[in-house]
N, C-alpha and C. Protein backbone atom coordinates (compact mmCIF):
# COMPACT_ATOMS: atom_id res chain seq x y z
N MET A 1 -15.29 77.31 -104.10
CA MET A 1 -13.94 77.45 -104.64
C MET A 1 -13.00 78.08 -103.61
N TYR A 2 -13.51 79.06 -102.86
CA TYR A 2 -12.68 79.73 -101.85
C TYR A 2 -12.17 78.74 -100.81
N TYR A 3 -13.05 77.85 -100.35
CA TYR A 3 -12.68 76.91 -99.31
C TYR A 3 -11.69 75.88 -99.82
N LEU A 4 -11.88 75.43 -101.03
CA LEU A 4 -10.94 74.49 -101.62
C LEU A 4 -9.55 75.11 -101.72
N LYS A 5 -9.53 76.37 -102.15
CA LYS A 5 -8.26 77.10 -102.25
C LYS A 5 -7.63 77.28 -100.86
N MET A 6 -8.48 77.66 -99.87
CA MET A 6 -7.98 77.88 -98.52
C MET A 6 -7.36 76.60 -97.95
N PHE A 7 -8.09 75.50 -98.06
CA PHE A 7 -7.58 74.23 -97.51
C PHE A 7 -6.38 73.73 -98.31
N GLY A 8 -6.45 73.84 -99.62
CA GLY A 8 -5.37 73.34 -100.47
C GLY A 8 -4.07 74.09 -100.28
N ILE A 9 -4.15 75.41 -100.29
CA ILE A 9 -2.93 76.22 -100.10
C ILE A 9 -2.33 75.97 -98.73
N SER A 10 -3.18 75.91 -97.71
CA SER A 10 -2.69 75.67 -96.36
C SER A 10 -1.96 74.33 -96.27
N LEU A 11 -2.55 73.29 -96.83
CA LEU A 11 -1.93 71.97 -96.76
C LEU A 11 -0.63 71.94 -97.56
N ILE A 12 -0.64 72.51 -98.74
CA ILE A 12 0.57 72.51 -99.57
C ILE A 12 1.69 73.27 -98.88
N LEU A 13 1.39 74.46 -98.36
CA LEU A 13 2.43 75.24 -97.67
C LEU A 13 2.95 74.50 -96.43
N THR A 14 2.04 73.87 -95.71
CA THR A 14 2.46 73.11 -94.53
C THR A 14 3.41 71.99 -94.93
N LEU A 15 3.09 71.26 -95.98
CA LEU A 15 3.95 70.17 -96.43
C LEU A 15 5.29 70.69 -96.95
N VAL A 16 5.26 71.81 -97.67
CA VAL A 16 6.49 72.40 -98.20
C VAL A 16 7.41 72.85 -97.06
N ILE A 17 6.85 73.27 -95.96
CA ILE A 17 7.64 73.71 -94.81
C ILE A 17 8.05 72.54 -93.93
N GLU A 18 7.10 71.68 -93.58
CA GLU A 18 7.36 70.66 -92.56
C GLU A 18 8.17 69.46 -93.06
N LEU A 19 8.00 69.05 -94.31
CA LEU A 19 8.79 67.91 -94.78
C LEU A 19 10.29 68.22 -94.84
N PRO A 20 10.70 69.35 -95.45
CA PRO A 20 12.14 69.66 -95.41
C PRO A 20 12.65 69.91 -93.98
N ALA A 21 11.81 70.53 -93.15
CA ALA A 21 12.23 70.77 -91.76
C ALA A 21 12.43 69.45 -91.03
N ALA A 22 11.53 68.50 -91.25
CA ALA A 22 11.67 67.18 -90.63
C ALA A 22 12.96 66.51 -91.09
N PHE A 23 13.24 66.63 -92.38
CA PHE A 23 14.48 66.07 -92.93
C PHE A 23 15.69 66.70 -92.26
N LEU A 24 15.67 68.03 -92.13
CA LEU A 24 16.79 68.73 -91.48
C LEU A 24 16.94 68.35 -90.02
N LEU A 25 15.83 67.95 -89.39
CA LEU A 25 15.86 67.56 -87.98
C LEU A 25 16.20 66.08 -87.80
N GLY A 26 16.54 65.39 -88.88
CA GLY A 26 17.01 64.02 -88.77
C GLY A 26 16.03 62.94 -89.18
N VAL A 27 14.86 63.32 -89.65
CA VAL A 27 13.90 62.32 -90.14
C VAL A 27 14.29 62.05 -91.59
N ARG A 28 14.97 60.93 -91.82
CA ARG A 28 15.56 60.68 -93.13
C ARG A 28 14.96 59.50 -93.87
N LYS A 29 14.41 58.53 -93.16
CA LYS A 29 13.87 57.35 -93.84
C LYS A 29 12.59 57.73 -94.57
N LYS A 30 12.43 57.13 -95.74
CA LYS A 30 11.25 57.43 -96.56
C LYS A 30 9.96 57.12 -95.79
N GLN A 31 9.95 56.02 -95.04
CA GLN A 31 8.75 55.65 -94.29
C GLN A 31 8.41 56.71 -93.24
N ASP A 32 9.42 57.26 -92.60
CA ASP A 32 9.20 58.27 -91.57
C ASP A 32 8.73 59.59 -92.18
N LEU A 33 9.29 59.96 -93.33
CA LEU A 33 8.83 61.16 -94.02
C LEU A 33 7.40 60.97 -94.53
N LEU A 34 7.07 59.75 -94.92
CA LEU A 34 5.70 59.45 -95.32
C LEU A 34 4.75 59.63 -94.14
N ILE A 35 5.19 59.24 -92.95
CA ILE A 35 4.38 59.43 -91.74
C ILE A 35 4.14 60.93 -91.51
N VAL A 36 5.19 61.74 -91.64
CA VAL A 36 5.05 63.19 -91.48
C VAL A 36 4.05 63.72 -92.51
N PHE A 37 4.16 63.25 -93.75
CA PHE A 37 3.23 63.67 -94.80
C PHE A 37 1.79 63.31 -94.43
N LEU A 38 1.57 62.05 -94.07
CA LEU A 38 0.21 61.58 -93.78
C LEU A 38 -0.38 62.22 -92.53
N VAL A 39 0.46 62.46 -91.54
CA VAL A 39 -0.02 63.11 -90.31
C VAL A 39 -0.53 64.51 -90.65
N ASN A 40 0.17 65.21 -91.51
CA ASN A 40 -0.26 66.55 -91.90
C ASN A 40 -1.52 66.52 -92.75
N VAL A 41 -1.64 65.53 -93.60
CA VAL A 41 -2.87 65.38 -94.39
C VAL A 41 -4.06 65.12 -93.46
N LEU A 42 -3.81 64.44 -92.37
CA LEU A 42 -4.87 64.15 -91.40
C LEU A 42 -5.22 65.37 -90.55
N THR A 43 -4.23 66.05 -90.01
CA THR A 43 -4.49 67.10 -89.02
C THR A 43 -4.68 68.49 -89.61
N ASN A 44 -4.04 68.81 -90.73
CA ASN A 44 -4.10 70.16 -91.26
C ASN A 44 -5.50 70.61 -91.64
N PRO A 45 -6.27 69.82 -92.39
CA PRO A 45 -7.61 70.30 -92.74
C PRO A 45 -8.49 70.56 -91.51
N ALA A 46 -8.39 69.70 -90.51
CA ALA A 46 -9.19 69.91 -89.29
C ALA A 46 -8.75 71.18 -88.58
N ALA A 47 -7.45 71.40 -88.49
CA ALA A 47 -6.95 72.61 -87.82
C ALA A 47 -7.36 73.87 -88.59
N VAL A 48 -7.26 73.83 -89.91
CA VAL A 48 -7.65 74.99 -90.72
C VAL A 48 -9.13 75.29 -90.54
N PHE A 49 -9.95 74.24 -90.55
CA PHE A 49 -11.39 74.42 -90.37
C PHE A 49 -11.71 75.03 -89.00
N LEU A 50 -11.10 74.50 -87.95
CA LEU A 50 -11.36 75.02 -86.60
C LEU A 50 -10.88 76.46 -86.45
N CYS A 51 -9.74 76.78 -87.02
CA CYS A 51 -9.24 78.16 -86.95
C CYS A 51 -10.11 79.10 -87.78
N PHE A 52 -10.59 78.63 -88.92
CA PHE A 52 -11.50 79.43 -89.73
C PHE A 52 -12.77 79.74 -88.94
N CYS A 53 -13.32 78.73 -88.26
CA CYS A 53 -14.51 78.93 -87.44
C CYS A 53 -14.23 79.91 -86.30
N ALA A 54 -13.07 79.78 -85.69
CA ALA A 54 -12.70 80.68 -84.59
C ALA A 54 -12.64 82.12 -85.08
N ARG A 55 -12.01 82.34 -86.22
CA ARG A 55 -11.92 83.71 -86.77
C ARG A 55 -13.30 84.25 -87.14
N SER A 56 -14.18 83.37 -87.59
CA SER A 56 -15.52 83.80 -88.02
C SER A 56 -16.42 84.15 -86.85
N TYR A 57 -16.31 83.39 -85.76
CA TYR A 57 -17.28 83.54 -84.68
C TYR A 57 -16.75 84.21 -83.42
N LEU A 58 -15.45 84.18 -83.22
CA LEU A 58 -14.91 84.73 -81.97
C LEU A 58 -14.35 86.13 -82.12
N LYS A 59 -14.19 86.60 -83.32
CA LYS A 59 -13.70 87.94 -83.64
C LYS A 59 -12.52 88.38 -82.76
N GLU A 60 -12.78 88.71 -81.50
CA GLU A 60 -11.74 89.26 -80.61
C GLU A 60 -10.77 88.19 -80.09
N GLY A 61 -11.30 87.07 -79.63
CA GLY A 61 -10.46 86.08 -78.95
C GLY A 61 -10.04 84.91 -79.80
N TYR A 62 -10.07 85.10 -81.13
CA TYR A 62 -9.76 83.96 -81.99
C TYR A 62 -8.33 83.46 -81.80
N ILE A 63 -7.41 84.34 -81.43
CA ILE A 63 -6.02 83.93 -81.30
C ILE A 63 -5.85 82.86 -80.22
N PHE A 64 -6.64 82.96 -79.15
CA PHE A 64 -6.57 81.95 -78.10
C PHE A 64 -7.10 80.62 -78.60
N ALA A 65 -8.15 80.67 -79.40
CA ALA A 65 -8.69 79.45 -79.99
C ALA A 65 -7.68 78.83 -80.96
N GLU A 66 -7.02 79.67 -81.75
CA GLU A 66 -6.01 79.17 -82.68
C GLU A 66 -4.86 78.51 -81.94
N LEU A 67 -4.41 79.13 -80.86
CA LEU A 67 -3.32 78.54 -80.08
C LEU A 67 -3.76 77.22 -79.45
N PHE A 68 -5.01 77.15 -78.99
CA PHE A 68 -5.54 75.91 -78.43
C PHE A 68 -5.57 74.82 -79.50
N VAL A 69 -6.01 75.18 -80.70
CA VAL A 69 -6.03 74.22 -81.81
C VAL A 69 -4.61 73.74 -82.12
N GLU A 70 -3.66 74.66 -82.14
CA GLU A 70 -2.27 74.29 -82.41
C GLU A 70 -1.72 73.34 -81.35
N VAL A 71 -2.07 73.58 -80.10
CA VAL A 71 -1.64 72.67 -79.01
C VAL A 71 -2.24 71.28 -79.24
N LEU A 72 -3.51 71.22 -79.60
CA LEU A 72 -4.14 69.94 -79.90
C LEU A 72 -3.44 69.23 -81.06
N VAL A 73 -3.07 69.98 -82.07
CA VAL A 73 -2.38 69.41 -83.23
C VAL A 73 -1.02 68.86 -82.82
N VAL A 74 -0.27 69.64 -82.04
CA VAL A 74 1.05 69.19 -81.58
C VAL A 74 0.93 67.90 -80.79
N VAL A 75 -0.02 67.84 -79.88
CA VAL A 75 -0.20 66.64 -79.06
C VAL A 75 -0.63 65.46 -79.93
N THR A 76 -1.60 65.69 -80.81
CA THR A 76 -2.09 64.61 -81.68
C THR A 76 -0.98 64.07 -82.56
N GLU A 77 -0.25 64.97 -83.21
CA GLU A 77 0.83 64.53 -84.08
C GLU A 77 1.94 63.86 -83.28
N GLY A 78 2.25 64.38 -82.11
CA GLY A 78 3.26 63.76 -81.26
C GLY A 78 2.87 62.34 -80.88
N LEU A 79 1.61 62.14 -80.55
CA LEU A 79 1.13 60.79 -80.22
C LEU A 79 1.23 59.85 -81.41
N ILE A 80 0.90 60.36 -82.59
CA ILE A 80 1.00 59.52 -83.78
C ILE A 80 2.47 59.19 -84.07
N TYR A 81 3.34 60.19 -84.01
CA TYR A 81 4.76 59.93 -84.23
C TYR A 81 5.29 58.93 -83.21
N ARG A 82 4.89 59.08 -81.96
CA ARG A 82 5.34 58.15 -80.92
C ARG A 82 4.81 56.74 -81.21
N GLY A 83 3.59 56.65 -81.69
CA GLY A 83 3.02 55.36 -82.01
C GLY A 83 3.77 54.62 -83.10
N PHE A 84 4.36 55.36 -84.02
CA PHE A 84 5.13 54.75 -85.10
C PHE A 84 6.60 54.56 -84.75
N SER A 85 7.01 55.03 -83.59
CA SER A 85 8.40 54.90 -83.16
C SER A 85 8.53 53.68 -82.27
N VAL A 86 9.20 52.67 -82.76
CA VAL A 86 9.41 51.46 -81.98
C VAL A 86 10.60 51.68 -81.06
N LYS A 87 10.33 51.81 -79.78
CA LYS A 87 11.37 52.03 -78.76
C LYS A 87 12.28 53.20 -79.12
N GLY A 88 11.72 54.24 -79.71
CA GLY A 88 12.47 55.45 -80.01
C GLY A 88 13.46 55.33 -81.14
N LYS A 89 13.41 54.24 -81.90
CA LYS A 89 14.39 54.04 -82.95
C LYS A 89 14.05 54.75 -84.25
N ARG A 90 12.78 55.12 -84.45
CA ARG A 90 12.42 55.72 -85.72
C ARG A 90 12.36 57.23 -85.62
N ILE A 91 11.40 57.74 -84.91
CA ILE A 91 11.28 59.19 -84.75
C ILE A 91 11.60 59.52 -83.30
N ARG A 92 12.77 60.08 -83.12
CA ARG A 92 13.20 60.43 -81.76
C ARG A 92 12.48 61.69 -81.31
N GLN A 93 12.17 61.73 -80.03
CA GLN A 93 11.50 62.88 -79.41
C GLN A 93 10.31 63.35 -80.27
N PRO A 94 9.29 62.51 -80.37
CA PRO A 94 8.17 62.80 -81.28
C PRO A 94 7.41 64.09 -80.93
N PHE A 95 7.28 64.42 -79.64
CA PHE A 95 6.55 65.63 -79.28
C PHE A 95 7.36 66.88 -79.57
N LEU A 96 8.66 66.80 -79.38
CA LEU A 96 9.52 67.94 -79.72
C LEU A 96 9.52 68.15 -81.23
N LEU A 97 9.60 67.06 -81.99
CA LEU A 97 9.53 67.17 -83.44
C LEU A 97 8.22 67.82 -83.86
N SER A 98 7.12 67.36 -83.31
CA SER A 98 5.81 67.92 -83.63
C SER A 98 5.76 69.40 -83.29
N PHE A 99 6.27 69.77 -82.13
CA PHE A 99 6.25 71.18 -81.72
C PHE A 99 7.06 72.05 -82.68
N ILE A 100 8.27 71.62 -83.01
CA ILE A 100 9.15 72.42 -83.88
C ILE A 100 8.54 72.56 -85.27
N LEU A 101 8.05 71.45 -85.83
CA LEU A 101 7.47 71.51 -87.18
C LEU A 101 6.24 72.42 -87.22
N ASN A 102 5.38 72.27 -86.23
CA ASN A 102 4.16 73.08 -86.22
C ASN A 102 4.45 74.54 -85.91
N ALA A 103 5.40 74.80 -85.04
CA ALA A 103 5.78 76.19 -84.76
C ALA A 103 6.33 76.84 -86.02
N ALA A 104 7.16 76.11 -86.74
CA ALA A 104 7.74 76.66 -87.97
C ALA A 104 6.66 76.97 -88.99
N SER A 105 5.77 76.03 -89.24
CA SER A 105 4.74 76.26 -90.27
C SER A 105 3.74 77.32 -89.82
N TYR A 106 3.41 77.36 -88.54
CA TYR A 106 2.48 78.38 -88.04
C TYR A 106 3.09 79.77 -88.18
N LEU A 107 4.32 79.92 -87.72
CA LEU A 107 4.97 81.23 -87.76
C LEU A 107 5.21 81.71 -89.19
N ILE A 108 5.61 80.81 -90.07
CA ILE A 108 5.79 81.20 -91.47
C ILE A 108 4.45 81.57 -92.08
N GLY A 109 3.39 80.85 -91.70
CA GLY A 109 2.05 81.20 -92.16
C GLY A 109 1.62 82.59 -91.70
N VAL A 110 1.94 82.93 -90.46
CA VAL A 110 1.63 84.26 -89.94
C VAL A 110 2.37 85.32 -90.75
N VAL A 111 3.64 85.09 -91.02
CA VAL A 111 4.43 86.05 -91.80
C VAL A 111 3.85 86.21 -93.20
N ILE A 112 3.50 85.10 -93.84
CA ILE A 112 2.91 85.16 -95.18
C ILE A 112 1.62 85.97 -95.17
N ASN A 113 0.79 85.75 -94.17
CA ASN A 113 -0.47 86.49 -94.08
C ASN A 113 -0.24 87.97 -93.82
N LEU A 114 0.80 88.31 -93.08
CA LEU A 114 1.11 89.72 -92.84
C LEU A 114 1.59 90.41 -94.11
N ILE A 115 2.30 89.69 -94.94
CA ILE A 115 2.84 90.25 -96.17
C ILE A 115 1.72 90.52 -97.17
N GLN A 116 0.72 89.66 -97.19
CA GLN A 116 -0.36 89.80 -98.19
C GLN A 116 -1.21 91.00 -97.95
């Protein structure tokens, strides 16, 4: 039950943060917002699992592992966004979009965890 809650809350919070942020950054077409949604459904559980493992086994240096995972997520999502952008007409600057969305959700997640 703990893991289901951990993965579920993380994914829901990520979607609640990243979808409106993508909209504010100019991603307005339903198909493009669907891509943002699906990309997060694909990458978020893997990132949460890897970060959970890092916190469990690395104790001291987990932050470096988390940052490495976040870089992998940004690159992966950027590649997917670029793949769905036909000549830059759909999602402009896919890697910048990925970076901004992930930075926002990561930082808000850190703040939420500090408050708890």
